[in-house]
Structure formats: C-alpha cells, structure tokens
C-alpha cells in the first residue's frame, strides 16, 4: 500500500483571507439592481395623485349612473379629509349603499380643494344625471396636480 505525504503549500505568498475586488463588485452590482427594483415599485406622488383622480372620476360617473337608474338625486360631499356619497330618499339625504360608494379618505399625501379654493364642496346629480352647477375638484400632492371636472350635463372628465 502506498502512502502519500501531505503536500506542502507552494512557496510564495501565503493565501490571504477575504474577498477579491471582482467578488466585491459583483455583490455591489446585485445590491444596486435590488435597490433599483425597490425604488421603481414605490409609488411616487405623481402616480398617487393620478390614481386617486382616476378613482374619483370613476366613482363620480358611477354615482351619476345610479342617479339615472334609480331616478333619484345623488350627491357627493367633499371635505379636506375625504368624500362620501348620499342619495335623496323620502325627503332626506341618506348614505348611498354599496362598497363602491363607501366614505373614502384621501391618501396621506393627497390634498383636495374645490375649483373656487374652498375646503369643502358638493357635487350633485339630479334624476336624469345632470349636475346643476359645473364643478372642478383639484387634487394635489408634491408637484403633481390633477383636476376632475363635472360639467352641467353631468359628464365627468379628468385632466391635469
């Protein structure tokens, strides 16, 4: 049986413990890609204001449709903290039922003002879907600004 003697370390520089520059650069590149992915998935102020304006416009159009379908007046009340829907039944205003018409608070970074600069507003639709007074709701957040308009004919539109 043959036995081998342990081989000796080659002569020269001893092996250093640690990472090579190439290994460190690869790790830093991976971390930079991961950080970029995280930053891109965080909604910015522009996206938040835009999506809130889209949501508001869709809910206003749905409220107009309910007014026409039910043949009853529907109103939307705006305050600095949020907005809610109600309908006229038996001579009194009552909350409009349904998940789509629940009271909604503005997201923390979105601010509201009526077109006239007041802190509260009310948009109403009569039983044929007409809004007696055209209105504009202005949503802002950071540098982003979106306007949701309701015309006298009840048409809902959104724009900057």
C-alpha atoms as a PDB file:
ATOM      1  CA  UNK A   1       0.000   0.000   0.000  1.00  0.00           C
ATOM      2  CA  UNK A   2       1.254   3.291  -0.976  1.00  0.00           C
ATOM      3  CA  UNK A   3       1.045   6.319   1.297  1.00  0.00           C
ATOM      4  CA  UNK A   4       1.252   9.866   0.243  1.00  0.00           C
ATOM      5  CA  UNK A   5       2.779  12.576   2.243  1.00  0.00           C
ATOM      6  CA  UNK A   6       0.693  15.716   2.640  1.00  0.00           C
ATOM      7  CA  UNK A   7       1.624  18.263   0.065  1.00  0.00           C
ATOM      8  CA  UNK A   8       3.169  21.420   1.257  1.00  0.00           C
ATOM      9  CA  UNK A   9       1.835  24.857   0.422  1.00  0.00           C
ATOM     10  CA  UNK A  10       3.519  26.286  -2.616  1.00  0.00           C
ATOM     11  CA  UNK A  11       6.250  28.655  -1.833  1.00  0.00           C
ATOM     12  CA  UNK A  12       5.482  32.321  -2.315  1.00  0.00           C
ATOM     13  CA  UNK A  13       2.751  34.495  -0.871  1.00  0.00           C
ATOM     14  CA  UNK A  14       0.520  32.934   1.757  1.00  0.00           C
ATOM     15  CA  UNK A  15      -3.218  32.781   0.919  1.00  0.00           C
ATOM     16  CA  UNK A  16      -4.993  35.843   2.314  1.00  0.00           C
ATOM     17  CA  UNK A  17      -8.413  35.590   3.911  1.00  0.00           C
ATOM     18  CA  UNK A  18     -11.013  37.948   2.384  1.00  0.00           C
ATOM     19  CA  UNK A  19     -12.734  38.852  -0.860  1.00  0.00           C
ATOM     20  CA  UNK A  20     -11.289  39.764  -4.175  1.00  0.00           C
ATOM     21  CA  UNK A  21     -12.162  43.003  -5.878  1.00  0.00           C
ATOM     22  CA  UNK A  22     -14.170  41.134  -8.512  1.00  0.00           C
ATOM     23  CA  UNK A  23     -16.277  39.402  -5.837  1.00  0.00           C
ATOM     24  CA  UNK A  24     -16.997  42.734  -4.122  1.00  0.00           C
ATOM     25  CA  UNK A  25     -18.007  44.363  -7.406  1.00  0.00           C
ATOM     26  CA  UNK A  26     -20.414  41.508  -8.219  1.00  0.00           C
ATOM     27  CA  UNK A  27     -22.064  41.800  -4.790  1.00  0.00           C
ATOM     28  CA  UNK A  28     -22.376  45.588  -5.143  1.00  0.00           C
ATOM     29  CA  UNK A  29     -23.918  45.194  -8.609  1.00  0.00           C
ATOM     30  CA  UNK A  30     -26.515  42.762  -7.296  1.00  0.00           C
ATOM     31  CA  UNK A  31     -27.360  45.104  -4.408  1.00  0.00           C
ATOM     32  CA  UNK A  32     -27.705  48.052  -6.811  1.00  0.00           C
ATOM     33  CA  UNK A  33     -30.125  46.079  -9.005  1.00  0.00           C
ATOM     34  CA  UNK A  34     -32.197  45.092  -5.967  1.00  0.00           C
ATOM     35  CA  UNK A  35     -32.317  48.700  -4.728  1.00  0.00           C
ATOM     36  CA  UNK A  36     -33.384  49.914  -8.168  1.00  0.00           C
ATOM     37  CA  UNK A  37     -36.214  47.393  -8.259  1.00  0.00           C
ATOM     38  CA  UNK A  38     -37.445  48.555  -4.844  1.00  0.00           C
ATOM     39  CA  UNK A  39     -37.319  52.238  -5.776  1.00  0.00           C
ATOM     40  CA  UNK A  40     -39.233  51.637  -9.008  1.00  0.00           C
ATOM     41  CA  UNK A  41     -42.047  49.798  -7.224  1.00  0.00           C
ATOM     42  CA  UNK A  42     -42.678  52.562  -4.679  1.00  0.00           C
ATOM     43  CA  UNK A  43     -45.483  54.775  -5.994  1.00  0.00           C
ATOM     44  CA  UNK A  44     -44.409  58.377  -6.391  1.00  0.00           C
ATOM     45  CA  UNK A  45     -46.530  61.410  -5.623  1.00  0.00           C
ATOM     46  CA  UNK A  46     -47.438  61.791  -9.299  1.00  0.00           C
ATOM     47  CA  UNK A  47     -48.724  58.231  -9.508  1.00  0.00           C
ATOM     48  CA  UNK A  48     -50.667  58.530  -6.234  1.00  0.00           C
ATOM     49  CA  UNK A  49     -52.432  61.738  -7.277  1.00  0.00           C
ATOM     50  CA  UNK A  50     -53.148  60.377 -10.764  1.00  0.00           C
ATOM     51  CA  UNK A  51     -54.592  57.101  -9.464  1.00  0.00           C
ATOM     52  CA  UNK A  52     -56.705  58.945  -6.880  1.00  0.00           C
ATOM     53  CA  UNK A  53     -58.058  61.244  -9.613  1.00  0.00           C
ATOM     54  CA  UNK A  54     -58.883  58.218 -11.777  1.00  0.00           C
ATOM     55  CA  UNK A  55     -60.664  56.553  -8.850  1.00  0.00           C
ATOM     56  CA  UNK A  56     -62.627  59.728  -8.062  1.00  0.00           C
ATOM     57  CA  UNK A  57     -63.683  60.218 -11.703  1.00  0.00           C
ATOM     58  CA  UNK A  58     -64.886  56.611 -11.938  1.00  0.00           C
ATOM     59  CA  UNK A  59     -66.838  56.884  -8.689  1.00  0.00           C
ATOM     60  CA  UNK A  60     -68.438  60.174  -9.764  1.00  0.00           C
ATOM     61  CA  UNK A  61     -69.526  58.627 -13.081  1.00  0.00           C
ATOM     62  CA  UNK A  62     -70.959  55.643 -11.187  1.00  0.00           C
ATOM     63  CA  UNK A  63     -72.870  57.987  -8.850  1.00  0.00           C
ATOM     64  CA  UNK A  64     -74.324  59.785 -11.888  1.00  0.00           C
ATOM     65  CA  UNK A  65     -75.386  56.429 -13.322  1.00  0.00           C
ATOM     66  CA  UNK A  66     -77.084  55.475 -10.035  1.00  0.00           C
ATOM     67  CA  UNK A  67     -78.999  58.766 -10.094  1.00  0.00           C
ATOM     68  CA  UNK A  68     -80.293  57.965 -13.589  1.00  0.00           C
ATOM     69  CA  UNK A  69     -81.066  54.295 -12.900  1.00  0.00           C
ATOM     70  CA  UNK A  70     -82.867  54.926  -9.603  1.00  0.00           C
ATOM     71  CA  UNK A  71     -84.448  58.211 -10.690  1.00  0.00           C
ATOM     72  CA  UNK A  72     -83.208  59.907  -7.502  1.00  0.00           C
ATOM     73  CA  UNK A  73     -80.825  62.750  -6.768  1.00  0.00           C
ATOM     74  CA  UNK A  74     -77.327  61.671  -5.734  1.00  0.00           C
ATOM     75  CA  UNK A  75     -74.734  63.941  -4.137  1.00  0.00           C
ATOM     76  CA  UNK A  76     -71.048  63.731  -3.311  1.00  0.00           C
ATOM     77  CA  UNK A  77     -69.759  65.712  -0.342  1.00  0.00           C
ATOM     78  CA  UNK A  78     -66.079  66.679  -0.273  1.00  0.00           C
ATOM     79  CA  UNK A  79     -64.114  67.691   2.806  1.00  0.00           C
ATOM     80  CA  UNK A  80     -60.381  68.151   3.392  1.00  0.00           C
ATOM     81  CA  UNK A  81     -60.255  64.618   4.848  1.00  0.00           C
ATOM     82  CA  UNK A  82     -62.215  62.731   2.148  1.00  0.00           C
ATOM     83  CA  UNK A  83     -65.544  62.349   0.405  1.00  0.00           C
ATOM     84  CA  UNK A  84     -68.783  60.384   0.634  1.00  0.00           C
ATOM     85  CA  UNK A  85     -71.918  59.675  -1.386  1.00  0.00           C
ATOM     86  CA  UNK A  86     -75.576  60.081  -0.480  1.00  0.00           C
ATOM     87  CA  UNK A  87     -78.943  59.891  -2.203  1.00  0.00           C
ATOM     88  CA  UNK A  88     -82.244  61.616  -1.645  1.00  0.00           C
ATOM     89  CA  UNK A  89     -84.908  59.212  -0.340  1.00  0.00           C
ATOM     90  CA  UNK A  90     -88.206  60.043   1.337  1.00  0.00           C
ATOM     91  CA  UNK A  91     -87.305  63.722   1.566  1.00  0.00           C
ATOM     92  CA  UNK A  92     -83.961  63.160   3.329  1.00  0.00           C
ATOM     93  CA  UNK A  93     -80.340  62.544   2.333  1.00  0.00           C
ATOM     94  CA  UNK A  94     -79.142  59.040   3.184  1.00  0.00           C
ATOM     95  CA  UNK A  95     -75.792  57.329   2.589  1.00  0.00           C
ATOM     96  CA  UNK A  96     -75.619  55.636  -0.788  1.00  0.00           C
ATOM     97  CA  UNK A  97     -75.296  51.877  -0.186  1.00  0.00           C
ATOM     98  CA  UNK A  98     -72.667  49.693  -1.780  1.00  0.00           C
ATOM     99  CA  UNK A  99     -68.975  49.102  -1.433  1.00  0.00           C
ATOM    100  CA  UNK A 100     -68.183  51.426  -4.352  1.00  0.00           C
ATOM    101  CA  UNK A 101     -69.855  54.312  -2.534  1.00  0.00           C
ATOM    102  CA  UNK A 102     -68.335  53.950   0.921  1.00  0.00           C
ATOM    103  CA  UNK A 103     -66.816  57.021   2.550  1.00  0.00           C
ATOM    104  CA  UNK A 104     -63.232  57.421   1.298  1.00  0.00           C
ATOM    105  CA  UNK A 105     -60.428  59.329   2.969  1.00  0.00           C
ATOM    106  CA  UNK A 106     -57.754  60.999   0.874  1.00  0.00           C
ATOM    107  CA  UNK A 107     -54.388  59.242   0.978  1.00  0.00           C
ATOM    108  CA  UNK A 108     -51.939  60.998   3.303  1.00  0.00           C
ATOM    109  CA  UNK A 109     -50.019  62.783   0.563  1.00  0.00           C
ATOM    110  CA  UNK A 110     -53.062  63.936  -1.478  1.00  0.00           C
ATOM    111  CA  UNK A 111     -54.690  67.286  -0.780  1.00  0.00           C
ATOM    112  CA  UNK A 112     -58.067  68.442  -2.080  1.00  0.00           C
ATOM    113  CA  UNK A 113     -59.581  71.792  -2.936  1.00  0.00           C
ATOM    114  CA  UNK A 114     -62.615  72.862  -4.888  1.00  0.00           C
ATOM    115  CA  UNK A 115     -62.017  74.907  -8.013  1.00  0.00           C
ATOM    116  CA  UNK A 116     -63.028  78.007  -6.086  1.00  0.00           C
ATOM    117  CA  UNK A 117     -60.373  77.241  -3.453  1.00  0.00           C
ATOM    118  CA  UNK A 118     -62.809  76.287  -0.695  1.00  0.00           C
ATOM    119  CA  UNK A 119     -62.050  73.421   1.673  1.00  0.00           C
ATOM    120  CA  UNK A 120     -65.430  71.752   1.077  1.00  0.00           C
ATOM    121  CA  UNK A 121     -67.562  71.133  -1.972  1.00  0.00           C
ATOM    122  CA  UNK A 122     -70.696  69.291  -3.028  1.00  0.00           C
ATOM    123  CA  UNK A 123     -71.463  67.836  -6.430  1.00  0.00           C
ATOM    124  CA  UNK A 124     -74.986  66.668  -7.113  1.00  0.00           C
ATOM    125  CA  UNK A 125     -76.665  64.831  -9.948  1.00  0.00           C
ATOM    126  CA  UNK A 126     -80.408  65.048 -10.480  1.00  0.00           C
ATOM    127  CA  UNK A 127     -82.542  62.080 -11.503  1.00  0.00           C
ATOM    128  CA  UNK A 128     -81.589  62.467 -15.173  1.00  0.00           C
ATOM    129  CA  UNK A 129     -77.850  62.733 -14.437  1.00  0.00           C
ATOM    130  CA  UNK A 130     -77.469  66.493 -14.839  1.00  0.00           C
ATOM    131  CA  UNK A 131     -75.325  68.469 -12.416  1.00  0.00           C
ATOM    132  CA  UNK A 132     -76.974  71.846 -11.722  1.00  0.00           C
ATOM    133  CA  UNK A 133     -73.625  73.593 -11.235  1.00  0.00           C
ATOM    134  CA  UNK A 134     -70.462  72.545 -13.060  1.00  0.00           C
ATOM    135  CA  UNK A 135     -67.620  71.877 -10.648  1.00  0.00           C
ATOM    136  CA  UNK A 136     -63.944  71.027 -10.629  1.00  0.00           C
ATOM    137  CA  UNK A 137     -62.132  69.150  -7.890  1.00  0.00           C
ATOM    138  CA  UNK A 138     -58.374  69.774  -7.674  1.00  0.00           C
ATOM    139  CA  UNK A 139     -56.123  67.075  -6.210  1.00  0.00           C
ATOM    140  CA  UNK A 140     -52.504  67.900  -5.430  1.00  0.00           C
ATOM    141  CA  UNK A 141     -49.532  66.123  -3.926  1.00  0.00           C
ATOM    142  CA  UNK A 142     -45.956  67.356  -4.175  1.00  0.00           C
ATOM    143  CA  UNK A 143     -45.539  68.711  -7.706  1.00  0.00           C
ATOM    144  CA  UNK A 144     -48.438  66.639  -9.085  1.00  0.00           C
ATOM    145  CA  UNK A 145     -51.803  68.245  -9.813  1.00  0.00           C
ATOM    146  CA  UNK A 146     -54.926  66.647 -11.302  1.00  0.00           C
ATOM    147  CA  UNK A 147     -58.379  68.104 -11.895  1.00  0.00           C
ATOM    148  CA  UNK A 148     -61.631  66.137 -12.032  1.00  0.00           C
ATOM    149  CA  UNK A 149     -64.412  68.097 -13.712  1.00  0.00           C
ATOM    150  CA  UNK A 150     -68.166  67.594 -13.759  1.00  0.00           C
ATOM    151  CA  UNK A 151     -69.959  69.549 -16.490  1.00  0.00           C
ATOM    152  CA  UNK A 152     -73.503  70.884 -16.338  1.00  0.00           C
ATOM    153  CA  UNK A 153     -74.594  67.908 -18.446  1.00  0.00           C
ATOM    154  CA  UNK A 154     -73.155  65.512 -15.845  1.00  0.00           C
ATOM    155  CA  UNK A 155     -70.150  64.462 -17.922  1.00  0.00           C
ATOM    156  CA  UNK A 156     -67.142  63.546 -15.753  1.00  0.00           C
ATOM    157  CA  UNK A 157     -63.651  64.195 -17.113  1.00  0.00           C
ATOM    158  CA  UNK A 158     -60.132  64.177 -15.726  1.00  0.00           C
ATOM    159  CA  UNK A 159     -57.081  66.163 -16.711  1.00  0.00           C
ATOM    160  CA  UNK A 160     -54.046  67.982 -15.377  1.00  0.00           C
END
